[in-house]
Amino acid sequence: MYIFNITYVIPSKRKDSFIEWAKGEARLSASFDKLRDYKIITVAAIPGDKEFAKQDEKNFSVQMHFDSISDCREWNEKCFHTFMESYAKWHGPNPLFFATILKEL
C-alpha cells in the first residue's frame, strides 16, 4: 500500500473549516478510479510537550491510499492541481504544506 500524504499547517481558528473542507469538497476533488481509501488525520499530542494543545497552529494530513507508487504519481499528475485549487477556494492561496508518498511496510 502506498499513501499520498499532504500535511497542512492550519491556524487553530480555521480548524473546523479545514475539517469541513477535507471531509467534503476535498474528498470529492480527490476522487480517482485507483483511490483505495481516503483519511484525514491530525497530530493529537507530542510526547513531553505539555504546551502542544495551546499552540495556535495545528497539523492535519489528508491521505489517499493506492496500490502502487505509479498510481500515486498518476493521481499527482491528474488530480493534485484540482485538489489544491479546491483548498485555495476555501482557505486562500499559498498554503503551508508538504506532500510525501509513504509506503506501508
PDB file of N, CA and C in Angstrom:
ATOM      1  N   MET A   1       0.848  -1.176   0.000  1.00  0.00           N
ATOM      2  CA  MET A   1       0.000   0.000   0.000  1.00  0.00           C
ATOM      3  C   MET A   1       0.889   1.233   0.000  1.00  0.00           C
ATOM      4  N   TYR A   2       0.521   2.205  -0.814  1.00  0.00           N
ATOM      5  CA  TYR A   2       1.209   3.487  -0.880  1.00  0.00           C
ATOM      6  C   TYR A   2       0.230   4.581  -0.480  1.00  0.00           C
ATOM      7  N   ILE A   3       0.737   5.565   0.205  1.00  0.00           N
ATOM      8  CA  ILE A   3      -0.102   6.646   0.717  1.00  0.00           C
ATOM      9  C   ILE A   3       0.434   7.981   0.218  1.00  0.00           C
ATOM     10  N   PHE A   4      -0.403   8.698  -0.510  1.00  0.00           N
ATOM     11  CA  PHE A   4      -0.073  10.063  -0.907  1.00  0.00           C
ATOM     12  C   PHE A   4      -0.537  10.937   0.246  1.00  0.00           C
ATOM     13  N   ASN A   5       0.410  11.505   0.968  1.00  0.00           N
ATOM     14  CA  ASN A   5       0.141  12.264   2.189  1.00  0.00           C
ATOM     15  C   ASN A   5       0.383  13.755   1.935  1.00  0.00           C
ATOM     16  N   ILE A   6      -0.596  14.573   2.280  1.00  0.00           N
ATOM     17  CA  ILE A   6      -0.431  16.021   2.228  1.00  0.00           C
ATOM     18  C   ILE A   6      -0.680  16.546   3.636  1.00  0.00           C
ATOM     19  N   THR A   7       0.346  17.138   4.239  1.00  0.00           N
ATOM     20  CA  THR A   7       0.244  17.672   5.586  1.00  0.00           C
ATOM     21  C   THR A   7       0.187  19.193   5.510  1.00  0.00           C
ATOM     22  N   TYR A   8      -0.814  19.746   6.178  1.00  0.00           N
ATOM     23  CA  TYR A   8      -1.032  21.187   6.203  1.00  0.00           C
ATOM     24  C   TYR A   8      -0.817  21.711   7.621  1.00  0.00           C
ATOM     25  N   VAL A   9      -0.339  22.942   7.728  1.00  0.00           N
ATOM     26  CA  VAL A   9      -0.306  23.657   8.999  1.00  0.00           C
ATOM     27  C   VAL A   9      -1.467  24.644   8.944  1.00  0.00           C
ATOM     28  N   ILE A  10      -2.383  24.491   9.892  1.00  0.00           N
ATOM     29  CA  ILE A  10      -3.628  25.257   9.886  1.00  0.00           C
ATOM     30  C   ILE A  10      -3.748  26.059  11.182  1.00  0.00           C
ATOM     31  N   PRO A  11      -4.058  27.348  11.099  1.00  0.00           N
ATOM     32  CA  PRO A  11      -4.318  28.109  12.328  1.00  0.00           C
ATOM     33  C   PRO A  11      -5.492  27.481  13.087  1.00  0.00           C
ATOM     34  N   SER A  12      -5.397  27.441  14.395  1.00  0.00           N
ATOM     35  CA  SER A  12      -6.445  26.820  15.224  1.00  0.00           C
ATOM     36  C   SER A  12      -7.835  27.364  14.901  1.00  0.00           C
ATOM     37  N   LYS A  13      -7.932  28.658  14.636  1.00  0.00           N
ATOM     38  CA  LYS A  13      -9.244  29.259  14.367  1.00  0.00           C
ATOM     39  C   LYS A  13      -9.850  28.775  13.051  1.00  0.00           C
ATOM     40  N   ARG A  14      -9.043  28.144  12.168  1.00  0.00           N
ATOM     41  CA  ARG A  14      -9.532  27.635  10.885  1.00  0.00           C
ATOM     42  C   ARG A  14      -9.739  26.120  10.909  1.00  0.00           C
ATOM     43  N   LYS A  15      -9.527  25.511  12.065  1.00  0.00           N
ATOM     44  CA  LYS A  15      -9.591  24.055  12.190  1.00  0.00           C
ATOM     45  C   LYS A  15     -10.916  23.487  11.697  1.00  0.00           C
ATOM     46  N   ASP A  16     -12.033  24.012  12.174  1.00  0.00           N
ATOM     47  CA  ASP A  16     -13.339  23.470  11.798  1.00  0.00           C
ATOM     48  C   ASP A  16     -13.599  23.616  10.306  1.00  0.00           C
ATOM     49  N   SER A  17     -13.217  24.750   9.750  1.00  0.00           N
ATOM     50  CA  SER A  17     -13.383  24.962   8.311  1.00  0.00           C
ATOM     51  C   SER A  17     -12.525  23.984   7.512  1.00  0.00           C
ATOM     52  N   PHE A  18     -11.292  23.745   7.988  1.00  0.00           N
ATOM     53  CA  PHE A  18     -10.423  22.791   7.299  1.00  0.00           C
ATOM     54  C   PHE A  18     -11.045  21.399   7.307  1.00  0.00           C
ATOM     55  N   ILE A  19     -11.539  20.970   8.454  1.00  0.00           N
ATOM     56  CA  ILE A  19     -12.130  19.632   8.554  1.00  0.00           C
ATOM     57  C   ILE A  19     -13.358  19.520   7.654  1.00  0.00           C
ATOM     58  N   GLU A  20     -14.178  20.551   7.632  1.00  0.00           N
ATOM     59  CA  GLU A  20     -15.353  20.560   6.752  1.00  0.00           C
ATOM     60  C   GLU A  20     -14.922  20.416   5.289  1.00  0.00           C
ATOM     61  N   TRP A  21     -13.909  21.181   4.891  1.00  0.00           N
ATOM     62  CA  TRP A  21     -13.394  21.087   3.525  1.00  0.00           C
ATOM     63  C   TRP A  21     -12.851  19.689   3.248  1.00  0.00           C
ATOM     64  N   ALA A  22     -12.021  19.178   4.164  1.00  0.00           N
ATOM     65  CA  ALA A  22     -11.361  17.891   3.945  1.00  0.00           C
ATOM     66  C   ALA A  22     -12.354  16.739   3.836  1.00  0.00           C
ATOM     67  N   LYS A  23     -13.449  16.817   4.572  1.00  0.00           N
ATOM     68  CA  LYS A  23     -14.460  15.749   4.536  1.00  0.00           C
ATOM     69  C   LYS A  23     -15.437  15.910   3.379  1.00  0.00           C
ATOM     70  N   GLY A  24     -15.511  17.104   2.822  1.00  0.00           N
ATOM     71  CA  GLY A  24     -16.479  17.375   1.767  1.00  0.00           C
ATOM     72  C   GLY A  24     -15.838  17.566   0.405  1.00  0.00           C
ATOM     73  N   GLU A  25     -15.639  18.834   0.053  1.00  0.00           N
ATOM     74  CA  GLU A  25     -15.140  19.159  -1.285  1.00  0.00           C
ATOM     75  C   GLU A  25     -13.794  18.521  -1.595  1.00  0.00           C
ATOM     76  N   ALA A  26     -12.905  18.468  -0.613  1.00  0.00           N
ATOM     77  CA  ALA A  26     -11.587  17.865  -0.856  1.00  0.00           C
ATOM     78  C   ALA A  26     -11.724  16.392  -1.206  1.00  0.00           C
ATOM     79  N   ARG A  27     -12.568  15.702  -0.470  1.00  0.00           N
ATOM     80  CA  ARG A  27     -12.773  14.268  -0.748  1.00  0.00           C
ATOM     81  C   ARG A  27     -13.285  14.077  -2.176  1.00  0.00           C
ATOM     82  N   LEU A  28     -14.184  14.937  -2.596  1.00  0.00           N
ATOM     83  CA  LEU A  28     -14.701  14.849  -3.965  1.00  0.00           C
ATOM     84  C   LEU A  28     -13.613  15.148  -4.990  1.00  0.00           C
ATOM     85  N   SER A  29     -12.791  16.159  -4.723  1.00  0.00           N
ATOM     86  CA  SER A  29     -11.757  16.514  -5.697  1.00  0.00           C
ATOM     87  C   SER A  29     -10.611  15.506  -5.703  1.00  0.00           C
ATOM     88  N   ALA A  30     -10.530  14.653  -4.675  1.00  0.00           N
ATOM     89  CA  ALA A  30      -9.506  13.603  -4.636  1.00  0.00           C
ATOM     90  C   ALA A  30      -9.944  12.355  -5.400  1.00  0.00           C
ATOM     91  N   SER A  31     -11.205  12.321  -5.811  1.00  0.00           N
ATOM     92  CA  SER A  31     -11.742  11.129  -6.467  1.00  0.00           C
ATOM     93  C   SER A  31     -10.890  10.708  -7.655  1.00  0.00           C
ATOM     94  N   PHE A  32     -10.657   9.413  -7.710  1.00  0.00           N
ATOM     95  CA  PHE A  32      -9.809   8.839  -8.750  1.00  0.00           C
ATOM     96  C   PHE A  32     -10.088   7.344  -8.767  1.00  0.00           C
ATOM     97  N   ASP A  33     -10.181   6.750  -9.934  1.00  0.00           N
ATOM     98  CA  ASP A  33     -10.588   5.348 -10.018  1.00  0.00           C
ATOM     99  C   ASP A  33      -9.645   4.383  -9.286  1.00  0.00           C
ATOM    100  N   LYS A  34      -8.406   4.768  -9.068  1.00  0.00           N
ATOM    101  CA  LYS A  34      -7.450   3.886  -8.401  1.00  0.00           C
ATOM    102  C   LYS A  34      -7.296   4.188  -6.906  1.00  0.00           C
ATOM    103  N   LEU A  35      -8.054   5.146  -6.416  1.00  0.00           N
ATOM    104  CA  LEU A  35      -8.022   5.501  -4.995  1.00  0.00           C
ATOM    105  C   LEU A  35      -8.670   4.387  -4.179  1.00  0.00           C
ATOM    106  N   ARG A  36      -7.952   3.882  -3.159  1.00  0.00           N
ATOM    107  CA  ARG A  36      -8.452   2.784  -2.330  1.00  0.00           C
ATOM    108  C   ARG A  36      -9.042   3.252  -1.006  1.00  0.00           C
ATOM    109  N   ASP A  37      -8.510   4.339  -0.460  1.00  0.00           N
ATOM    110  CA  ASP A  37      -9.000   4.843   0.814  1.00  0.00           C
ATOM    111  C   ASP A  37      -8.615   6.314   0.933  1.00  0.00           C
ATOM    112  N   TYR A  38      -9.330   7.026   1.752  1.00  0.00           N
ATOM    113  CA  TYR A  38      -9.121   8.453   1.960  1.00  0.00           C
ATOM    114  C   TYR A  38      -9.282   8.709   3.445  1.00  0.00           C
ATOM    115  N   LYS A  39      -8.284   9.341   4.067  1.00  0.00           N
ATOM    116  CA  LYS A  39      -8.328   9.590   5.505  1.00  0.00           C
ATOM    117  C   LYS A  39      -7.881  11.013   5.818  1.00  0.00           C
ATOM    118  N   ILE A  40      -8.396  11.524   6.930  1.00  0.00           N
ATOM    119  CA  ILE A  40      -7.982  12.814   7.465  1.00  0.00           C
ATOM    120  C   ILE A  40      -7.458  12.536   8.869  1.00  0.00           C
ATOM    121  N   ILE A  41      -6.239  12.964   9.137  1.00  0.00           N
ATOM    122  CA  ILE A  41      -5.664  12.717  10.455  1.00  0.00           C
ATOM    123  C   ILE A  41      -5.052  14.008  10.989  1.00  0.00           C
ATOM    124  N   THR A  42      -4.830  14.047  12.291  1.00  0.00           N
ATOM    125  CA  THR A  42      -4.199  15.199  12.913  1.00  0.00           C
ATOM    126  C   THR A  42      -3.222  14.729  13.975  1.00  0.00           C
ATOM    127  N   VAL A  43      -2.298  15.591  14.310  1.00  0.00           N
ATOM    128  CA  VAL A  43      -1.379  15.329  15.411  1.00  0.00           C
ATOM    129  C   VAL A  43      -2.142  15.617  16.697  1.00  0.00           C
ATOM    130  N   ALA A  44      -2.317  14.604  17.523  1.00  0.00           N
ATOM    131  CA  ALA A  44      -3.086  14.754  18.761  1.00  0.00           C
ATOM    132  C   ALA A  44      -2.228  15.271  19.909  1.00  0.00           C
ATOM    133  N   ALA A  45      -0.958  14.884  19.921  1.00  0.00           N
ATOM    134  CA  ALA A  45      -0.073  15.284  21.015  1.00  0.00           C
ATOM    135  C   ALA A  45       1.363  15.007  20.603  1.00  0.00           C
ATOM    136  N   ILE A  46       2.268  15.675  21.286  1.00  0.00           N
ATOM    137  CA  ILE A  46       3.698  15.397  21.145  1.00  0.00           C
ATOM    138  C   ILE A  46       4.194  14.994  22.525  1.00  0.00           C
ATOM    139  N   PRO A  47       4.697  13.769  22.664  1.00  0.00           N
ATOM    140  CA  PRO A  47       5.139  13.316  23.979  1.00  0.00           C
ATOM    141  C   PRO A  47       6.123  14.309  24.610  1.00  0.00           C
ATOM    142  N   GLY A  48       5.863  14.652  25.848  1.00  0.00           N
ATOM    143  CA  GLY A  48       6.731  15.563  26.574  1.00  0.00           C
ATOM    144  C   GLY A  48       6.455  17.038  26.342  1.00  0.00           C
ATOM    145  N   ASP A  49       5.596  17.383  25.394  1.00  0.00           N
ATOM    146  CA  ASP A  49       5.283  18.780  25.094  1.00  0.00           C
ATOM    147  C   ASP A  49       3.925  19.130  25.708  1.00  0.00           C
ATOM    148  N   LYS A  50       3.940  19.634  26.925  1.00  0.00           N
ATOM    149  CA  LYS A  50       2.702  19.947  27.634  1.00  0.00           C
ATOM    150  C   LYS A  50       2.017  21.194  27.084  1.00  0.00           C
ATOM    151  N   GLU A  51       2.719  21.984  26.305  1.00  0.00           N
ATOM    152  CA  GLU A  51       2.163  23.214  25.740  1.00  0.00           C
ATOM    153  C   GLU A  51       1.574  22.990  24.344  1.00  0.00           C
ATOM    154  N   PHE A  52       1.674  21.767  23.829  1.00  0.00           N
ATOM    155  CA  PHE A  52       1.241  21.489  22.456  1.00  0.00           C
ATOM    156  C   PHE A  52      -0.206  21.916  22.211  1.00  0.00           C
ATOM    157  N   ALA A  53      -1.101  21.596  23.110  1.00  0.00           N
ATOM    158  CA  ALA A  53      -2.520  21.904  22.923  1.00  0.00           C
ATOM    159  C   ALA A  53      -2.783  23.405  22.852  1.00  0.00           C
ATOM    160  N   LYS A  54      -1.882  24.211  23.382  1.00  0.00           N
ATOM    161  CA  LYS A  54      -2.058  25.657  23.399  1.00  0.00           C
ATOM    162  C   LYS A  54      -1.535  26.347  22.141  1.00  0.00           C
ATOM    163  N   GLN A  55      -0.853  25.599  21.281  1.00  0.00           N
ATOM    164  CA  GLN A  55      -0.277  26.203  20.077  1.00  0.00           C
ATOM    165  C   GLN A  55      -1.373  26.730  19.170  1.00  0.00           C
ATOM    166  N   ASP A  56      -1.064  27.839  18.493  1.00  0.00           N
ATOM    167  CA  ASP A  56      -2.038  28.474  17.613  1.00  0.00           C
ATOM    168  C   ASP A  56      -2.224  27.724  16.298  1.00  0.00           C
ATOM    169  N   GLU A  57      -1.318  26.842  15.958  1.00  0.00           N
ATOM    170  CA  GLU A  57      -1.405  26.131  14.688  1.00  0.00           C
ATOM    171  C   GLU A  57      -1.498  24.634  14.934  1.00  0.00           C
ATOM    172  N   LYS A  58      -2.199  23.962  14.040  1.00  0.00           N
ATOM    173  CA  LYS A  58      -2.378  22.509  14.120  1.00  0.00           C
ATOM    174  C   LYS A  58      -1.953  21.880  12.805  1.00  0.00           C
ATOM    175  N   ASN A  59      -1.470  20.654  12.884  1.00  0.00           N
ATOM    176  CA  ASN A  59      -1.091  19.898  11.687  1.00  0.00           C
ATOM    177  C   ASN A  59      -2.196  18.904  11.358  1.00  0.00           C
ATOM    178  N   PHE A  60      -2.626  18.928  10.109  1.00  0.00           N
ATOM    179  CA  PHE A  60      -3.607  17.971   9.605  1.00  0.00           C
ATOM    180  C   PHE A  60      -3.048  17.335   8.348  1.00  0.00           C
ATOM    181  N   SER A  61      -3.327  16.063   8.171  1.00  0.00           N
ATOM    182  CA  SER A  61      -2.923  15.372   6.946  1.00  0.00           C
ATOM    183  C   SER A  61      -4.142  14.795   6.259  1.00  0.00           C
ATOM    184  N   VAL A  62      -4.132  14.907   4.949  1.00  0.00           N
ATOM    185  CA  VAL A  62      -5.092  14.216   4.101  1.00  0.00           C
ATOM    186  C   VAL A  62      -4.302  13.111   3.426  1.00  0.00           C
ATOM    187  N   GLN A  63      -4.810  11.882   3.526  1.00  0.00           N
ATOM    188  CA  GLN A  63      -4.080  10.738   2.991  1.00  0.00           C
ATOM    189  C   GLN A  63      -4.945   9.976   2.005  1.00  0.00           C
ATOM    190  N   MET A  64      -4.378   9.752   0.810  1.00  0.00           N
ATOM    191  CA  MET A  64      -5.025   8.945  -0.206  1.00  0.00           C
ATOM    192  C   MET A  64      -4.208   7.660  -0.362  1.00  0.00           C
ATOM    193  N   HIS A  65      -4.887   6.509  -0.296  1.00  0.00           N
ATOM    194  CA  HIS A  65      -4.217   5.213  -0.341  1.00  0.00           C
ATOM    195  C   HIS A  65      -4.370   4.597  -1.731  1.00  0.00           C
ATOM    196  N   PHE A  66      -3.259   4.049  -2.218  1.00  0.00           N
ATOM    197  CA  PHE A  66      -3.208   3.449  -3.547  1.00  0.00           C
ATOM    198  C   PHE A  66      -2.452   2.118  -3.495  1.00  0.00           C
ATOM    199  N   ASP A  67      -2.651   1.295  -4.510  1.00  0.00           N
ATOM    200  CA  ASP A  67      -1.966   0.001  -4.581  1.00  0.00           C
ATOM    201  C   ASP A  67      -0.506   0.112  -4.997  1.00  0.00           C
ATOM    202  N   SER A  68      -0.159   1.161  -5.746  1.00  0.00           N
ATOM    203  CA  SER A  68       1.217   1.252  -6.266  1.00  0.00           C
ATOM    204  C   SER A  68       1.704   2.701  -6.257  1.00  0.00           C
ATOM    205  N   ILE A  69       3.014   2.834  -6.323  1.00  0.00           N
ATOM    206  CA  ILE A  69       3.597   4.179  -6.398  1.00  0.00           C
ATOM    207  C   ILE A  69       3.232   4.838  -7.731  1.00  0.00           C
ATOM    208  N   SER A  70       3.091   4.039  -8.768  1.00  0.00           N
ATOM    209  CA  SER A  70       2.702   4.628 -10.060  1.00  0.00           C
ATOM    210  C   SER A  70       1.281   5.186  -9.996  1.00  0.00           C
ATOM    211  N   ASP A  71       0.396   4.553  -9.219  1.00  0.00           N
ATOM    212  CA  ASP A  71      -0.951   5.104  -9.031  1.00  0.00           C
ATOM    213  C   ASP A  71      -0.889   6.442  -8.290  1.00  0.00           C
ATOM    214  N   CYS A  72       0.001   6.555  -7.292  1.00  0.00           N
ATOM    215  CA  CYS A  72       0.196   7.823  -6.581  1.00  0.00           C
ATOM    216  C   CYS A  72       0.660   8.907  -7.539  1.00  0.00           C
ATOM    217  N   ARG A  73       1.625   8.562  -8.352  1.00  0.00           N
ATOM    218  CA  ARG A  73       2.157   9.546  -9.299  1.00  0.00           C
ATOM    219  C   ARG A  73       1.120   9.957 -10.327  1.00  0.00           C
ATOM    220  N   GLU A  74       0.302   9.000 -10.742  1.00  0.00           N
ATOM    221  CA  GLU A  74      -0.760   9.324 -11.694  1.00  0.00           C
ATOM    222  C   GLU A  74      -1.788  10.255 -11.046  1.00  0.00           C
ATOM    223  N   TRP A  75      -2.148   9.981  -9.769  1.00  0.00           N
ATOM    224  CA  TRP A  75      -3.055  10.881  -9.054  1.00  0.00           C
ATOM    225  C   TRP A  75      -2.449  12.279  -8.977  1.00  0.00           C
ATOM    226  N   ASN A  76      -1.172  12.345  -8.682  1.00  0.00           N
ATOM    227  CA  ASN A  76      -0.485  13.639  -8.602  1.00  0.00           C
ATOM    228  C   ASN A  76      -0.603  14.402  -9.923  1.00  0.00           C
ATOM    229  N   GLU A  77      -0.366  13.717 -11.012  1.00  0.00           N
ATOM    230  CA  GLU A  77      -0.421  14.361 -12.328  1.00  0.00           C
ATOM    231  C   GLU A  77      -1.838  14.792 -12.702  1.00  0.00           C
ATOM    232  N   LYS A  78      -2.829  13.964 -12.374  1.00  0.00           N
ATOM    233  CA  LYS A  78      -4.190  14.217 -12.833  1.00  0.00           C
ATOM    234  C   LYS A  78      -5.061  14.987 -11.835  1.00  0.00           C
ATOM    235  N   CYS A  79      -4.771  14.890 -10.542  1.00  0.00           N
ATOM    236  CA  CYS A  79      -5.702  15.415  -9.537  1.00  0.00           C
ATOM    237  C   CYS A  79      -5.121  16.454  -8.583  1.00  0.00           C
ATOM    238  N   PHE A  80      -3.811  16.459  -8.374  1.00  0.00           N
ATOM    239  CA  PHE A  80      -3.223  17.315  -7.351  1.00  0.00           C
ATOM    240  C   PHE A  80      -3.569  18.784  -7.575  1.00  0.00           C
ATOM    241  N   HIS A  81      -3.456  19.259  -8.788  1.00  0.00           N
ATOM    242  CA  HIS A  81      -3.724  20.670  -9.079  1.00  0.00           C
ATOM    243  C   HIS A  81      -5.172  21.034  -8.706  1.00  0.00           C
ATOM    244  N   THR A  82      -6.117  20.215  -9.105  1.00  0.00           N
ATOM    245  CA  THR A  82      -7.526  20.461  -8.792  1.00  0.00           C
ATOM    246  C   THR A  82      -7.759  20.407  -7.288  1.00  0.00           C
ATOM    247  N   PHE A  83      -7.106  19.457  -6.618  1.00  0.00           N
ATOM    248  CA  PHE A  83      -7.217  19.319  -5.175  1.00  0.00           C
ATOM    249  C   PHE A  83      -6.748  20.591  -4.474  1.00  0.00           C
ATOM    250  N   MET A  84      -5.604  21.113  -4.894  1.00  0.00           N
ATOM    251  CA  MET A  84      -5.058  22.325  -4.275  1.00  0.00           C
ATOM    252  C   MET A  84      -5.857  23.570  -4.660  1.00  0.00           C
ATOM    253  N   GLU A  85      -6.447  23.590  -5.837  1.00  0.00           N
ATOM    254  CA  GLU A  85      -7.343  24.693  -6.199  1.00  0.00           C
ATOM    255  C   GLU A  85      -8.560  24.706  -5.279  1.00  0.00           C
ATOM    256  N   SER A  86      -9.050  23.525  -4.952  1.00  0.00           N
ATOM    257  CA  SER A  86     -10.162  23.414  -4.026  1.00  0.00           C
ATOM    258  C   SER A  86      -9.765  23.977  -2.666  1.00  0.00           C
ATOM    259  N   TYR A  87      -8.573  23.649  -2.218  1.00  0.00           N
ATOM    260  CA  TYR A  87      -8.081  24.186  -0.950  1.00  0.00           C
ATOM    261  C   TYR A  87      -8.049  25.717  -0.999  1.00  0.00           C
ATOM    262  N   ALA A  88      -7.518  26.267  -2.068  1.00  0.00           N
ATOM    263  CA  ALA A  88      -7.382  27.719  -2.200  1.00  0.00           C
ATOM    264  C   ALA A  88      -8.737  28.423  -2.159  1.00  0.00           C
ATOM    265  N   LYS A  89      -9.781  27.810  -2.717  1.00  0.00           N
ATOM    266  CA  LYS A  89     -11.117  28.401  -2.670  1.00  0.00           C
ATOM    267  C   LYS A  89     -11.616  28.531  -1.236  1.00  0.00           C
ATOM    268  N   TRP A  90     -11.287  27.593  -0.398  1.00  0.00           N
ATOM    269  CA  TRP A  90     -11.757  27.585   0.992  1.00  0.00           C
ATOM    270  C   TRP A  90     -10.855  28.391   1.911  1.00  0.00           C
ATOM    271  N   HIS A  91      -9.554  28.308   1.680  1.00  0.00           N
ATOM    272  CA  HIS A  91      -8.594  28.808   2.670  1.00  0.00           C
ATOM    273  C   HIS A  91      -7.612  29.842   2.136  1.00  0.00           C
ATOM    274  N   GLY A  92      -7.663  30.136   0.861  1.00  0.00           N
ATOM    275  CA  GLY A  92      -6.745  31.104   0.278  1.00  0.00           C
ATOM    276  C   GLY A  92      -5.540  30.439  -0.354  1.00  0.00           C
ATOM    277  N   PRO A  93      -4.809  31.193  -1.161  1.00  0.00           N
ATOM    278  CA  PRO A  93      -3.659  30.631  -1.867  1.00  0.00           C
ATOM    279  C   PRO A  93      -2.460  30.442  -0.929  1.00  0.00           C
ATOM    280  N   ASN A  94      -1.471  29.760  -1.440  1.00  0.00           N
ATOM    281  CA  ASN A  94      -0.176  29.585  -0.775  1.00  0.00           C
ATOM    282  C   ASN A  94      -0.254  28.918   0.599  1.00  0.00           C
ATOM    283  N   PRO A  95      -0.855  27.735   0.662  1.00  0.00           N
ATOM    284  CA  PRO A  95      -0.917  27.056   1.958  1.00  0.00           C
ATOM    285  C   PRO A  95       0.470  26.607   2.409  1.00  0.00           C
ATOM    286  N   LEU A  96       0.625  26.493   3.705  1.00  0.00           N
ATOM    287  CA  LEU A  96       1.835  25.924   4.276  1.00  0.00           C
ATOM    288  C   LEU A  96       1.584  24.416   4.332  1.00  0.00           C
ATOM    289  N   PHE A  97       2.246  23.662   3.460  1.00  0.00           N
ATOM    290  CA  PHE A  97       2.005  22.227   3.359  1.00  0.00           C
ATOM    291  C   PHE A  97       3.252  21.525   2.837  1.00  0.00           C
ATOM    292  N   PHE A  98       3.273  20.204   2.979  1.00  0.00           N
ATOM    293  CA  PHE A  98       4.246  19.388   2.268  1.00  0.00           C
ATOM    294  C   PHE A  98       3.562  18.089   1.872  1.00  0.00           C
ATOM    295  N   ALA A  99       3.996  17.542   0.774  1.00  0.00           N
ATOM    296  CA  ALA A  99       3.432  16.287   0.259  1.00  0.00           C
ATOM    297  C   ALA A  99       4.528  15.232   0.207  1.00  0.00           C
ATOM    298  N   THR A 100       4.141  14.016   0.567  1.00  0.00           N
ATOM    299  CA  THR A 100       5.061  12.881   0.503  1.00  0.00           C
ATOM    300  C   THR A 100       4.277  11.654   0.038  1.00  0.00           C
ATOM    301  N   ILE A 101       5.019  10.707  -0.504  1.00  0.00           N
ATOM    302  CA  ILE A 101       4.433   9.390  -0.796  1.00  0.00           C
ATOM    303  C   ILE A 101       5.053   8.429   0.208  1.00  0.00           C
ATOM    304  N   LEU A 102       4.187   7.808   0.990  1.00  0.00           N
ATOM    305  CA  LEU A 102       4.624   6.872   2.024  1.00  0.00           C
ATOM    306  C   LEU A 102       4.351   5.441   1.568  1.00  0.00           C
ATOM    307  N   LYS A 103       5.147   4.512   2.065  1.00  0.00           N
ATOM    308  CA  LYS A 103       4.941   3.101   1.756  1.00  0.00           C
ATOM    309  C   LYS A 103       4.677   2.345   3.036  1.00  0.00           C
ATOM    310  N   GLU A 104       3.556   1.621   3.051  1.00  0.00           N
ATOM    311  CA  GLU A 104       3.244   0.786   4.198  1.00  0.00           C
ATOM    312  C   GLU A 104       4.090  -0.474   4.117  1.00  0.00           C
ATOM    313  N   LEU A 105       4.771  -0.788   5.199  1.00  0.00           N
ATOM    314  CA  LEU A 105       5.660  -1.972   5.226  1.00  0.00           C
ATOM    315  C   LEU A 105       4.995  -3.145   5.902  1.00  0.00           C
TER     316      LEU A 105
END
